[in-house]
Protein backbone atom coordinates (compact mmCIF):
# COMPACT_ATOMS: atom_id res chain seq x y z
CA MET A 1 81.27 43.73 91.58
CA ILE A 2 84.54 41.11 92.17
CA SER A 3 84.19 40.23 95.46
CA PRO A 4 87.94 40.25 97.41
CA GLU A 5 87.14 36.71 98.41
CA SER A 6 86.34 35.43 95.10
CA MET A 7 89.57 37.61 93.38
CA SER A 8 91.98 35.77 96.42
CA ASN A 9 90.43 32.34 95.53
CA ASP A 10 91.40 32.97 91.79
CA LYS A 11 94.51 34.06 92.34
CA ILE A 12 95.43 31.23 94.28
CA GLU A 13 93.91 28.59 91.89
CA SER A 14 96.27 30.36 89.48
CA LYS A 15 99.28 29.65 91.69
CA SER A 16 98.08 26.20 92.21
CA GLN A 17 99.35 25.27 88.76
CA ILE A 18 103.36 25.62 89.63
CA GLY A 19 103.80 22.25 91.10
CA SER A 20 103.03 22.04 95.03
CA TYR A 21 102.52 25.72 95.69
CA ASN A 22 98.82 25.21 96.68
CA LYS A 23 99.99 22.05 98.98
CA LEU A 24 102.67 24.70 101.10
CA SER A 25 100.97 25.59 104.35
CA LYS A 26 99.91 29.58 105.36
CA GLU A 27 103.52 29.78 107.08
CA ASP A 28 105.39 28.73 104.45
CA ILE A 29 103.83 30.91 102.29
CA HIS A 30 103.92 34.12 104.63
CA LEU A 31 107.60 33.47 104.54
CA LEU A 32 107.98 33.05 100.25
CA ASN A 33 106.24 36.52 100.35
CA GLU A 34 108.38 37.82 103.38
CA ASP A 35 111.26 36.44 100.84
CA ALA A 36 109.87 37.68 97.79
CA SER A 37 109.27 41.44 99.41
CA LYS A 38 112.74 41.53 100.46
CA ARG A 39 114.27 40.99 97.08
CA LEU A 40 111.70 43.67 95.59
CA GLU A 41 112.93 45.92 97.95
CA GLU A 42 116.67 44.85 96.93
CA PHE A 43 115.94 45.57 93.06
CA LEU A 44 114.40 48.91 94.12
CA LEU A 45 117.51 49.67 95.71
CA SER A 46 119.46 48.89 92.84
CA CYS A 47 117.52 51.04 91.07
CA ASP A 48 119.14 53.87 92.21
CA ILE A 49 115.46 55.74 92.79
CA TYR A 50 115.86 56.67 96.41
CA GLU A 51 117.56 60.12 97.25
CA SER A 52 120.27 60.36 99.62
CA SER A 53 120.29 61.86 103.30
CA ALA A 54 121.75 65.52 102.25
CA GLU A 55 119.10 65.29 99.19
CA ARG A 56 116.52 64.65 101.92
CA LEU A 57 118.12 67.33 104.09
CA LYS A 58 118.03 69.48 101.36
CA ARG A 59 114.59 69.32 100.42
CA MET A 60 113.46 70.25 104.08
CA ASP A 61 115.32 73.41 103.92
CA VAL A 62 113.85 74.09 100.72
CA LEU A 63 110.69 74.12 102.16
CA LYS A 64 111.52 75.71 105.26
CA LYS A 65 112.66 78.44 103.03
CA VAL A 66 109.81 78.92 101.22
CA ASN A 67 107.37 78.56 103.75
CA ASP A 68 109.21 81.18 105.39
CA LEU A 69 109.10 83.08 102.10
CA PHE A 70 105.38 82.75 101.69
CA ASN A 71 104.51 83.79 105.68
CA SER A 72 106.82 87.48 105.58
CA TRP A 73 105.05 88.05 102.10
CA VAL A 74 101.31 87.37 103.95
CA LYS A 75 102.40 89.83 106.27
CA LYS A 76 103.67 92.26 104.12
CA MET A 77 100.69 92.29 101.59
CA SER A 78 98.39 92.66 104.89
CA LYS A 79 100.55 95.77 105.36
CA GLU A 80 100.17 97.00 101.88
CA LYS A 81 95.96 96.25 102.43
CA LYS A 82 96.09 98.32 105.62
CA MET A 83 95.10 96.05 107.88
CA PRO A 84 95.78 96.53 111.87
CA GLU A 85 99.19 96.27 113.21
CA SER A 86 97.97 93.92 115.67
CA PHE A 87 95.93 91.83 113.07
CA ILE A 88 99.89 91.45 111.34
CA GLU A 89 101.39 90.03 114.04
CA ARG A 90 99.43 87.04 114.06
CA VAL A 91 98.61 86.58 110.94
CA GLY A 92 100.24 84.24 108.36
CA GLY A 93 99.85 81.86 105.71
CA LYS A 94 101.08 78.35 105.12
CA VAL A 95 103.25 75.95 102.79
CA TYR A 96 101.49 72.41 102.86
CA THR A 97 102.77 69.36 100.31
CA PHE A 98 101.16 66.67 98.72
CA GLY A 99 101.68 64.12 96.00
CA SER A 100 104.31 61.57 96.06
CA TYR A 101 106.58 63.90 97.90
CA ARG A 102 103.77 63.64 101.04
CA LEU A 103 102.61 59.89 100.66
CA GLY A 104 106.35 59.14 101.15
CA VAL A 105 107.64 57.78 97.42
CA HIS A 106 109.41 60.27 95.56
CA THR A 107 112.55 59.13 93.74
CA ARG A 108 115.71 61.05 93.59
CA GLY A 109 115.37 64.11 91.35
CA ALA A 110 111.96 64.32 91.42
CA ASP A 111 109.81 67.47 91.88
CA ILE A 112 107.93 68.33 94.97
CA ASP A 113 103.83 69.43 94.88
CA THR A 114 103.48 72.14 96.97
CA LEU A 115 100.45 74.30 98.11
CA CYS A 116 100.61 77.95 99.63
CA VAL A 117 97.27 78.65 101.67
CA SER A 118 96.42 82.44 102.03
CA PRO A 119 93.99 83.94 104.27
CA ARG A 120 90.97 85.79 102.82
CA HIS A 121 92.67 88.97 102.28
CA ILE A 122 95.10 87.61 99.75
CA ASN A 123 93.75 86.62 96.51
CA ARG A 124 95.20 84.93 93.65
CA GLU A 125 96.45 88.32 91.51
CA ASP A 126 98.22 88.95 94.82
CA PHE A 127 99.99 85.25 94.24
CA PHE A 128 100.95 85.43 90.56
CA ASP A 129 101.76 89.06 90.43
CA SER A 130 103.62 89.79 93.94
CA PHE A 131 104.49 86.63 95.75
CA VAL A 132 106.16 85.71 92.09
CA GLU A 133 108.26 88.37 91.97
CA THR A 134 109.44 87.61 95.38
CA LEU A 135 110.82 84.03 94.57
CA ARG A 136 112.08 85.60 91.25
CA SER A 137 114.28 88.11 93.34
CA ARG A 138 115.80 85.07 95.22
CA PRO A 139 119.51 84.12 94.50
CA GLU A 140 118.18 80.48 95.11
CA THR A 141 115.67 80.73 92.29
CA THR A 142 117.43 79.63 88.87
CA MET A 143 114.02 79.02 86.66
CA ILE A 144 110.13 80.06 87.62
CA LYS A 145 107.37 79.90 85.19
CA PRO A 146 104.01 80.87 86.16
CA ILE A 147 101.36 79.66 84.47
CA SER A 148 98.25 81.30 85.57
CA SER A 149 95.66 80.05 83.12
CA ALA A 150 95.94 76.43 83.56
CA TYR A 151 93.39 74.51 84.87
CA VAL A 152 95.18 74.23 88.17
CA PRO A 153 97.25 77.72 87.96
CA VAL A 154 100.62 76.61 89.07
CA VAL A 155 104.12 78.13 89.41
CA LYS A 156 107.16 75.95 88.04
CA LEU A 157 110.01 76.96 90.00
CA ILE A 158 113.70 75.77 90.69
CA PHE A 159 114.78 76.75 93.87
CA SER A 160 118.21 75.80 95.61
CA GLY A 161 118.39 72.66 92.53
CA ILE A 162 115.05 71.50 93.91
CA GLU A 163 112.23 71.37 91.64
CA LEU A 164 108.84 72.88 92.76
CA ASP A 165 105.15 73.13 91.37
CA ILE A 166 103.17 75.31 93.74
CA LEU A 167 99.41 75.95 93.92
CA PHE A 168 97.64 78.51 95.45
CA ALA A 169 94.42 78.46 97.68
CA ARG A 170 93.19 80.96 100.14
CA LEU A 171 90.28 80.22 102.65
CA ALA A 172 87.87 82.13 104.12
CA LEU A 173 89.95 82.92 107.16
CA GLU A 174 91.36 85.72 108.86
CA THR A 175 95.07 83.84 109.34
CA ILE A 176 96.37 80.14 108.60
CA PRO A 177 97.74 78.66 111.79
CA SER A 178 100.96 76.14 111.44
CA GLY A 179 98.77 73.45 112.80
CA GLN A 180 95.88 74.33 110.20
CA ASP A 181 94.23 70.80 109.12
CA LEU A 182 92.42 70.90 105.47
CA LYS A 183 90.70 67.87 106.14
CA ASP A 184 87.48 69.70 107.38
CA ASP A 185 84.85 69.68 103.95
CA ILE A 186 83.44 72.92 105.79
CA LEU A 187 86.86 74.92 104.55
CA LEU A 188 85.35 74.29 101.02
CA ALA A 189 82.36 76.39 101.39
CA HIS A 190 82.35 79.41 99.25
CA LEU A 191 85.94 78.79 97.19
CA ALA A 192 86.67 79.62 94.27
CA GLU A 193 86.85 76.43 91.90
CA LYS A 194 90.63 77.21 90.95
CA CYS A 195 90.90 77.23 94.89
CA VAL A 196 88.94 74.06 95.49
CA LEU A 197 91.09 72.28 92.82
CA SER A 198 94.09 73.59 93.97
CA VAL A 199 93.13 72.15 97.68
CA ASN A 200 91.97 68.83 96.85
CA GLY A 201 95.74 67.43 96.17
CA CYS A 202 96.38 67.90 99.71
CA ARG A 203 93.10 66.72 100.70
CA VAL A 204 92.90 63.70 98.90
CA THR A 205 96.84 62.65 99.31
CA ASP A 206 96.33 63.12 103.31
CA GLU A 207 92.97 60.69 103.08
CA ILE A 208 94.68 57.98 101.36
CA LEU A 209 97.56 57.83 103.91
CA ARG A 210 95.21 57.76 106.34
CA LEU A 211 93.02 55.19 104.44
CA VAL A 212 95.88 52.60 104.55
CA PRO A 213 96.22 49.68 107.24
CA ASP A 214 99.75 50.06 107.38
CA VAL A 215 101.41 53.23 105.59
CA ILE A 216 104.97 51.53 105.57
CA ILE A 217 103.69 48.37 103.55
CA PHE A 218 101.59 50.49 101.48
CA ARG A 219 104.58 52.89 100.12
CA LYS A 220 106.70 49.86 99.51
CA ALA A 221 104.23 48.63 97.77
CA LEU A 222 103.71 51.86 95.84
CA ARG A 223 107.19 52.55 95.02
CA ALA A 224 107.55 49.14 93.24
CA ILE A 225 104.27 49.85 91.06
CA LYS A 226 105.02 53.63 90.27
CA LEU A 227 108.39 51.76 88.73
CA TRP A 228 106.84 49.50 87.00
CA ALA A 229 104.30 51.71 85.30
CA LYS A 230 107.33 54.31 84.56
CA ARG A 231 109.31 51.97 82.92
CA ARG A 232 106.47 50.32 80.40
CA CYS A 233 105.65 53.49 79.90
CA ILE A 234 101.64 53.49 81.69
CA TYR A 235 102.36 56.04 84.15
CA SER A 236 100.88 59.56 82.41
CA ASN A 237 96.85 60.84 83.32
CA ILE A 238 97.64 63.35 80.46
CA MET A 239 98.05 60.44 77.94
CA GLY A 240 95.53 58.07 79.23
CA TYR A 241 96.90 56.01 81.07
CA LEU A 242 97.53 56.19 85.08
CA GLY A 243 98.79 58.87 86.89
CA GLY A 244 100.49 59.11 90.59
CA VAL A 245 97.03 59.52 92.19
CA SER A 246 95.21 56.63 90.34
CA TRP A 247 97.82 54.63 91.22
CA ALA A 248 98.24 55.34 95.00
CA ILE A 249 94.38 55.42 95.16
CA MET A 250 94.41 51.56 93.72
CA VAL A 251 97.55 50.37 95.96
CA ALA A 252 95.40 51.28 98.66
CA LYS A 253 92.43 49.58 97.75
CA LEU A 254 94.79 46.30 97.78
CA CYS A 255 96.21 47.32 101.32
CA GLN A 256 92.31 47.59 102.59
CA LEU A 257 91.41 44.47 100.86
CA TYR A 258 94.27 42.58 102.25
CA PRO A 259 95.64 43.81 105.43
CA ASP A 260 97.67 41.58 106.48
CA SER A 261 99.87 41.50 102.98
CA GLN A 262 103.54 41.79 102.11
CA PRO A 263 104.45 44.35 99.63
CA CYS A 264 105.21 41.79 96.94
CA GLU A 265 101.55 40.19 97.34
CA ILE A 266 100.04 43.94 97.41
CA PHE A 267 101.91 44.43 93.78
CA GLU A 268 100.85 40.59 92.34
CA LYS A 269 96.84 41.41 93.83
CA MET A 270 96.78 44.96 92.38
CA LEU A 271 98.01 43.79 88.77
CA TYR A 272 95.40 40.83 89.15
CA ILE A 273 92.51 42.70 90.28
CA LEU A 274 92.75 45.53 87.74
CA THR A 275 92.15 42.78 85.13
CA ARG A 276 89.35 41.11 86.95
CA TRP A 277 87.89 44.06 87.98
CA ASN A 278 83.91 44.81 86.98
CA TRP A 279 84.63 47.75 84.66
CA PRO A 280 83.43 50.51 84.60
CA ALA A 281 82.33 49.89 88.57
CA PRO A 282 84.62 52.47 90.07
CA VAL A 283 87.44 52.16 92.34
CA MET A 284 86.62 53.76 95.90
CA LEU A 285 88.66 53.40 99.32
CA LYS A 286 85.26 54.90 101.16
CA ASP A 287 81.67 55.80 100.44
CA ASN A 288 80.91 58.99 100.52
CA PRO A 289 77.33 60.53 101.07
CA GLU A 290 74.75 61.23 98.23
CA GLU A 291 74.24 64.93 99.14
CA HIS A 292 76.35 67.49 100.55
CA PRO A 293 75.41 71.00 101.37
CA TYR A 294 77.92 73.07 99.84
CA GLY A 295 77.03 72.02 95.91
CA LEU A 296 80.47 71.61 94.51
CA VAL A 297 80.42 69.34 90.97
CA GLU A 298 81.50 66.44 91.82
CA TRP A 299 81.95 62.64 90.30
CA ASN A 300 78.13 60.87 90.42
CA PRO A 301 76.85 58.80 87.22
CA LYS A 302 73.62 58.79 88.63
CA LYS A 303 73.06 62.36 88.33
CA ASN A 304 76.39 63.26 85.62
CA PRO A 305 75.14 61.36 82.10
CA GLY A 306 78.73 62.59 81.29
CA ASP A 307 80.56 60.31 84.12
CA ARG A 308 78.87 57.31 82.84
CA ASN A 309 80.78 56.80 80.23
CA HIS A 310 84.17 56.92 81.95
CA ILE A 311 86.14 53.65 81.11
CA LEU A 312 87.95 53.16 83.85
CA PRO A 313 86.86 55.31 87.27
CA ILE A 314 88.78 55.70 89.87
CA ILE A 315 87.99 58.15 92.40
CA THR A 316 89.46 60.40 94.95
CA PRO A 317 88.61 59.63 98.45
CA CYS A 318 86.94 62.85 99.72
CA TYR A 319 84.59 65.38 98.51
CA PRO A 320 84.39 66.62 96.01
CA GLN A 321 85.43 63.36 94.59
CA MET A 322 86.49 63.25 91.23
CA ASN A 323 87.45 60.57 88.78
CA SER A 324 91.20 60.51 88.48
CA THR A 325 91.13 58.75 85.24
CA TYR A 326 89.10 60.72 83.42
CA ASN A 327 91.23 60.73 80.26
CA THR A 328 91.75 56.88 80.09
CA SER A 329 90.36 55.85 76.58
CA ASN A 330 89.39 52.08 75.37
CA SER A 331 92.75 52.10 73.91
CA THR A 332 94.85 53.11 76.49
CA LYS A 333 93.00 50.26 78.92
CA SER A 334 93.95 47.85 76.76
CA ILE A 335 97.43 48.83 77.05
CA ILE A 336 97.22 48.60 80.39
CA MET A 337 95.52 45.50 81.08
CA TYR A 338 97.91 43.92 78.45
CA GLU A 339 100.84 45.49 80.76
CA CYS A 340 99.35 43.94 84.01
CA LYS A 341 99.12 40.13 82.36
CA ARG A 342 102.37 40.67 81.04
CA ALA A 343 103.60 41.21 84.47
CA LEU A 344 101.51 38.69 86.41
CA PHE A 345 103.46 35.87 83.78
CA TYR A 346 106.17 36.35 85.81
CA THR A 347 105.03 36.95 89.45
CA SER A 348 104.05 33.48 90.34
CA ASP A 349 107.44 32.22 89.85
CA ILE A 350 109.19 34.63 91.41
CA ILE A 351 107.09 34.54 94.49
CA ILE A 352 108.33 30.73 94.43
CA GLY A 353 112.07 32.26 94.12
CA GLN A 354 112.67 30.55 90.61
CA LYS A 355 112.80 34.36 88.91
CA LEU A 356 114.46 37.73 89.45
CA TRP A 357 112.23 40.77 89.46
CA ASP A 358 114.24 42.02 86.65
CA PRO A 359 111.93 40.97 83.89
CA ILE A 360 108.90 42.72 84.84
CA PHE A 361 111.04 46.19 85.17
CA GLN A 362 112.46 46.01 81.82
CA ASN A 363 111.65 49.10 79.50
CA SER A 364 108.94 49.20 77.19
CA ASP A 365 109.27 47.52 73.96
CA PHE A 366 106.59 49.82 72.08
CA PHE A 367 109.11 50.53 69.34
CA SER A 368 109.18 46.67 68.17
CA ARG A 369 104.94 46.52 68.56
CA TYR A 370 103.96 48.01 65.70
CA GLN A 371 105.07 48.55 62.04
CA TYR A 372 102.98 52.40 61.91
CA TYR A 373 103.70 54.86 64.20
CA ILE A 374 102.40 58.36 63.71
CA THR A 375 104.46 61.40 65.15
CA ILE A 376 103.32 64.41 66.43
CA GLN A 377 106.47 66.96 65.92
CA VAL A 378 106.10 70.50 67.80
CA SER A 379 108.19 73.17 67.43
CA HIS A 380 108.69 76.81 67.97
CA VAL A 381 111.54 79.45 67.51
CA ASP A 382 111.20 80.46 70.95
CA VAL A 383 112.71 78.39 74.12
CA GLU A 384 109.71 79.53 76.26
CA LYS A 385 106.83 79.19 74.00
CA SER A 386 107.65 75.81 72.53
CA ARG A 387 107.16 74.42 76.20
CA ASP A 388 104.11 75.86 76.23
CA TRP A 389 103.60 74.41 73.00
CA HIS A 390 104.95 71.02 74.02
CA GLY A 391 102.67 70.50 76.80
CA PHE A 392 99.77 71.98 75.17
CA VAL A 393 99.51 69.79 72.33
CA GLU A 394 100.35 66.81 74.62
CA SER A 395 96.96 67.83 76.64
CA LYS A 396 95.35 67.03 73.23
CA LEU A 397 96.86 64.09 72.25
CA ARG A 398 94.09 62.00 73.64
CA TYR A 399 91.45 63.63 71.40
CA LEU A 400 93.12 61.88 68.52
CA VAL A 401 93.63 58.65 70.37
CA HIS A 402 89.96 58.89 70.41
CA SER A 403 89.01 59.42 67.09
CA LEU A 404 91.18 56.78 65.74
CA GLU A 405 89.58 54.66 67.77
CA ILE A 406 86.44 55.15 65.38
CA ASN A 407 87.87 53.87 62.27
CA PRO A 408 86.82 50.08 61.96
CA PHE A 409 90.53 49.11 60.46
CA VAL A 410 92.24 50.32 63.29
CA ILE A 411 92.92 47.81 65.85
CA HIS A 412 95.65 48.91 68.39
CA ILE A 413 96.25 52.36 69.31
CA HIS A 414 98.88 52.70 71.46
CA PRO A 415 100.44 56.61 72.52
CA TYR A 416 103.28 56.92 74.26
CA SER A 417 104.11 58.44 77.28
CA LYS A 418 107.28 59.38 76.64
CA SER A 419 108.75 62.21 74.32
CA TYR A 420 111.78 62.91 72.18
CA GLY A 421 113.84 66.13 71.28
CA ALA A 422 115.78 66.83 68.37
CA ILE A 423 118.23 64.03 67.17
CA ARG A 424 119.94 65.46 63.76
CA ASP A 425 121.30 68.76 62.61
CA ASP A 426 118.13 69.60 60.23
CA GLN A 427 115.61 69.07 62.85
CA PRO A 428 114.19 72.41 63.76
CA ASP A 429 115.42 73.67 67.56
CA ASN A 430 113.10 73.23 70.29
CA LEU A 431 111.17 69.94 69.09
CA LYS A 432 109.46 68.11 70.42
CA ILE A 433 107.93 64.57 69.33
CA PHE A 434 105.39 62.46 70.27
CA PHE A 435 104.70 58.87 68.71
CA ILE A 436 101.14 56.71 68.29
CA GLY A 437 101.56 53.21 67.64
CA LEU A 438 99.23 52.02 65.07
CA SER A 439 98.26 48.18 63.92
CA PHE A 440 95.59 47.24 61.29
CA VAL A 441 93.53 44.58 60.35
CA ASP A 442 94.39 42.04 57.64
CA LEU A 443 93.05 44.28 54.53
CA SER A 444 92.90 41.64 52.46
CA ARG A 445 89.67 40.18 54.15
CA HIS A 446 87.68 43.31 53.31
CA HIS A 447 86.70 45.25 50.34
CA THR A 448 89.15 48.54 50.66
CA LYS A 449 92.69 48.21 50.00
CA LYS A 450 93.39 51.62 51.58
CA VAL A 451 92.99 53.47 54.94
CA ASN A 452 93.16 57.36 54.54
CA LEU A 453 93.83 58.82 58.20
CA SER A 454 93.67 62.21 56.77
CA VAL A 455 90.36 63.37 58.41
CA TYR A 456 91.74 62.73 61.87
CA ALA A 457 95.17 64.19 61.22
CA THR A 458 93.12 67.30 59.93
CA GLY A 459 90.45 67.47 63.08
CA PHE A 460 93.18 66.99 65.31
CA ARG A 461 95.19 70.02 64.12
CA ASP A 462 92.16 72.12 63.77
CA ARG A 463 91.21 71.28 67.29
CA VAL A 464 94.71 72.24 68.77
CA LEU A 465 94.86 75.71 66.89
CA THR A 466 90.79 76.51 67.58
CA GLN A 467 91.46 75.76 71.45
CA SER A 468 95.03 77.27 71.53
CA LYS A 469 93.10 80.58 70.29
CA ARG A 470 90.91 80.48 73.28
CA ILE A 471 93.97 80.56 76.05
CA GLY A 472 95.75 83.22 74.09
CA LEU A 473 98.35 80.76 73.13
CA SER A 474 99.61 82.19 69.81
CA SER A 475 100.22 80.02 66.88
CA GLU A 476 102.40 82.64 65.29
CA ASN A 477 106.15 80.32 64.41
CA VAL A 478 104.78 77.76 65.35
CA ASN A 479 105.65 74.40 63.20
CA LEU A 480 103.02 71.58 64.05
CA CYS A 481 103.69 68.36 61.85
CA ILE A 482 101.74 65.13 61.98
CA LYS A 483 102.87 62.35 59.58
CA ILE A 484 102.86 58.55 59.80
CA ILE A 485 106.24 56.45 59.12
CA HIS A 486 106.96 52.90 59.12
CA ARG A 487 108.85 50.95 61.83
CA ARG A 488 112.17 51.34 59.75
CA SER A 489 112.06 55.05 59.55
CA LEU A 490 111.97 55.50 63.61
CA SER A 491 116.15 55.91 63.58
CA GLN A 492 115.54 59.34 62.14
CA PHE A 493 113.57 60.68 65.00
CA ILE A 494 114.41 58.53 68.38
CA PRO A 495 118.21 57.24 69.38
CA GLU A 496 119.28 53.75 67.79
CA SER A 497 119.13 52.46 71.75
CA GLU A 498 116.15 52.90 71.53
CA ILE A 499 114.94 50.16 69.22
CA ILE A 500 114.86 47.01 70.15
CA THR A 501 116.40 44.74 67.46
CA ASP A 502 114.11 41.58 65.79
CA ILE A 503 116.58 39.07 67.46
CA LEU A 504 115.91 40.88 70.97
CA LYS A 505 112.18 40.75 69.87
CA LEU A 506 112.12 37.28 69.18
CA VAL A 507 113.53 36.60 72.53
CA ILE A 508 111.03 38.74 73.90
CA GLN A 509 108.52 36.66 71.92
CA ARG A 510 109.35 33.11 73.36
CA HIS A 511 109.30 34.25 76.64
CA MET A 512 106.15 35.48 76.62
CA PRO A 513 102.51 33.03 77.05
CA ARG A 514 100.82 32.94 73.79
CA ASN A 515 97.62 34.40 74.42
CA LEU A 516 99.86 37.87 74.86
CA LEU A 517 101.72 37.30 71.75
CA PRO A 518 98.95 38.87 69.37
CA SER A 519 99.77 42.43 71.15
CA LEU A 520 103.45 42.12 70.22
CA MET A 521 102.76 41.44 67.06
CA VAL A 522 102.24 43.47 63.65
CA PRO A 523 100.48 43.00 60.37
CA LYS A 524 102.43 41.14 57.78
CA GLU A 525 103.90 42.76 54.80
CA ARG A 526 102.35 40.57 52.06
CA ASN A 527 98.93 42.41 53.08
CA HIS A 528 99.88 46.11 52.26
CA VAL A 529 99.00 47.64 49.35
CA PRO A 530 100.51 50.62 47.87
CA PRO A 531 99.34 53.81 49.13
CA GLU A 532 96.64 56.15 48.01
CA GLU A 533 97.53 58.81 45.26
CA PRO A 534 98.40 62.06 46.87
CA SER A 535 95.51 64.64 48.00
CA GLU A 536 95.08 67.65 46.66
CA ASP A 537 93.33 69.19 49.54
CA THR A 538 95.06 72.20 50.43
CA ASN A 539 93.30 73.20 53.76
CA SER A 540 94.84 76.51 55.22
CA LEU A 541 96.09 77.13 58.68
CA ASN A 542 96.76 80.90 59.08
CA ASP A 543 97.35 80.96 55.42
CA SER A 544 100.69 79.39 55.10
CA LEU A 545 100.19 75.30 54.71
CA LYS A 546 103.14 74.03 53.18
CA ARG A 547 103.14 70.93 51.06
CA LYS A 548 106.54 68.58 51.53
CA HIS A 549 107.57 65.71 50.23
CA ASP A 550 108.92 63.02 51.74
CA ASP A 551 111.06 60.76 49.71
CA GLU A 552 112.16 58.12 52.40
CA ASP A 553 108.24 57.80 53.03
CA ASP A 554 107.39 57.72 49.88
CA ASN A 555 109.46 54.53 49.59
CA ASP A 556 108.17 53.27 52.97
CA ASN A 557 105.01 52.01 50.74
CA LYS A 558 102.54 52.30 53.43
CA VAL A 559 99.05 51.73 53.45
CA ILE A 560 97.93 54.45 55.28
CA ARG A 561 98.19 58.12 54.43
CA LEU A 562 97.56 61.06 56.73
CA ASN A 563 97.74 63.47 54.64
CA SER A 564 99.67 64.26 51.41
CA LEU A 565 101.00 67.21 53.15
CA ASP A 566 102.29 67.59 56.36
CA PRO A 567 100.03 69.26 58.52
CA SER A 568 101.68 72.09 59.60
CA ILE A 569 101.33 75.84 61.24
CA SER A 570 103.78 77.95 60.24
CA SER A 571 104.45 82.05 59.79
């Protein structure tokens, strides 16, 4: 394991390359970091990410109303279940917050993660049936979507213009006092798995806040990291990057290692440590006991062979401890490492005042990095069902990434955390398009002239269909199209403003260190060979796989062919 001391010393040595930085006194360095942190905060303010006082008060009012509604509903359900009047008078539930809102780092317009906790005589069916209807009947509710079949069941709600994700858990208690703390592990005894998963969001958030030495520094640094990660498109647990919990744990770890550091130092050192950490050694905020009396499954590579394969484990700090980066692949890890190195290229000059913070936070250049992109296009004729399918396909994209990693000719696989809708009249309604960037070895140096990716597309399509049936998601009237496109065809799928021009790309490369440039480069056209002849494979999907030809794709002269057919689900 890399020690904090060695990492700190290495970083000082790297800064010493900048003239006389290493000759500065500790007081001068402290003043530089203070000034850089002030400039960082000013930059964040200029990005308009902070909510206004009016929005803050509105959120508080919405939370109070939902909490009152839930409390009243618990009493109503208690009465329906023939509980004694004396009991009904004192019974209650409580709404907790967690995630970015609880951490104090949410942005304007962001949703609020909430948890409704009920006493033991109220069950999950009551909540998703009766309480959902209570919310639906309110005039403040403009959208409500219960997803009871999700891994962690949730109700998505827009209430007075504020978005909320509401989880549910019932505790083995007669009532839930207003001051009930969820910290004690004994509360998890005999809880259903879904309740444990729901409660753990609050427990993890509160434990992170408890373990950081300075909450104000933690929040300032985390706000900066979150904005950077979102703009560089490496903020997505579902796509295999780090999600909100993972970034919070990483920043909290740095605050523990360097308790006297300013926000800009935490920012810089976190980038450095991510690239130098002895992965797959886990990042943990505290040591957890080997044995617990409640027997819940938790992350433990000594006992669970599957946990030993985790690539970038960042472990939640409370029982049952879990790997918050379970979805990370070798490909997404390499993208994260690249982005950290890219940001580190600027930080030393920023801290000594020679550069602004702006270059670090530039939007991703994803659509200029590669010559080839896989598009995964999902649409449904029904608006509500299309949302279900969009989310479902997105949650499975990591399997396509894993399978592509097996191919020896593919050297970069870059799943993009953003998705796009229709931009042309001839595209289906309710369309969602996901992208994966690809680059390949120089085929002229190998004994093959063709790379066929059809098997990966077909395998992914089959997995999506099979798993959708297991959760009762009908494939009727769904279209799932997987195809490969050349970079020159991107304008058919995304707005022109998203495509970085070749001139701008040259500017980017000119200002980047040489050891990072290969990640921005793409294979040269002279190494490309004509595509394989179209396959006659006509694997059926619900007896309705349609053959389509795209003239523009044929003109791309592409090496890689996913399939001569668009792998489509249609009715």
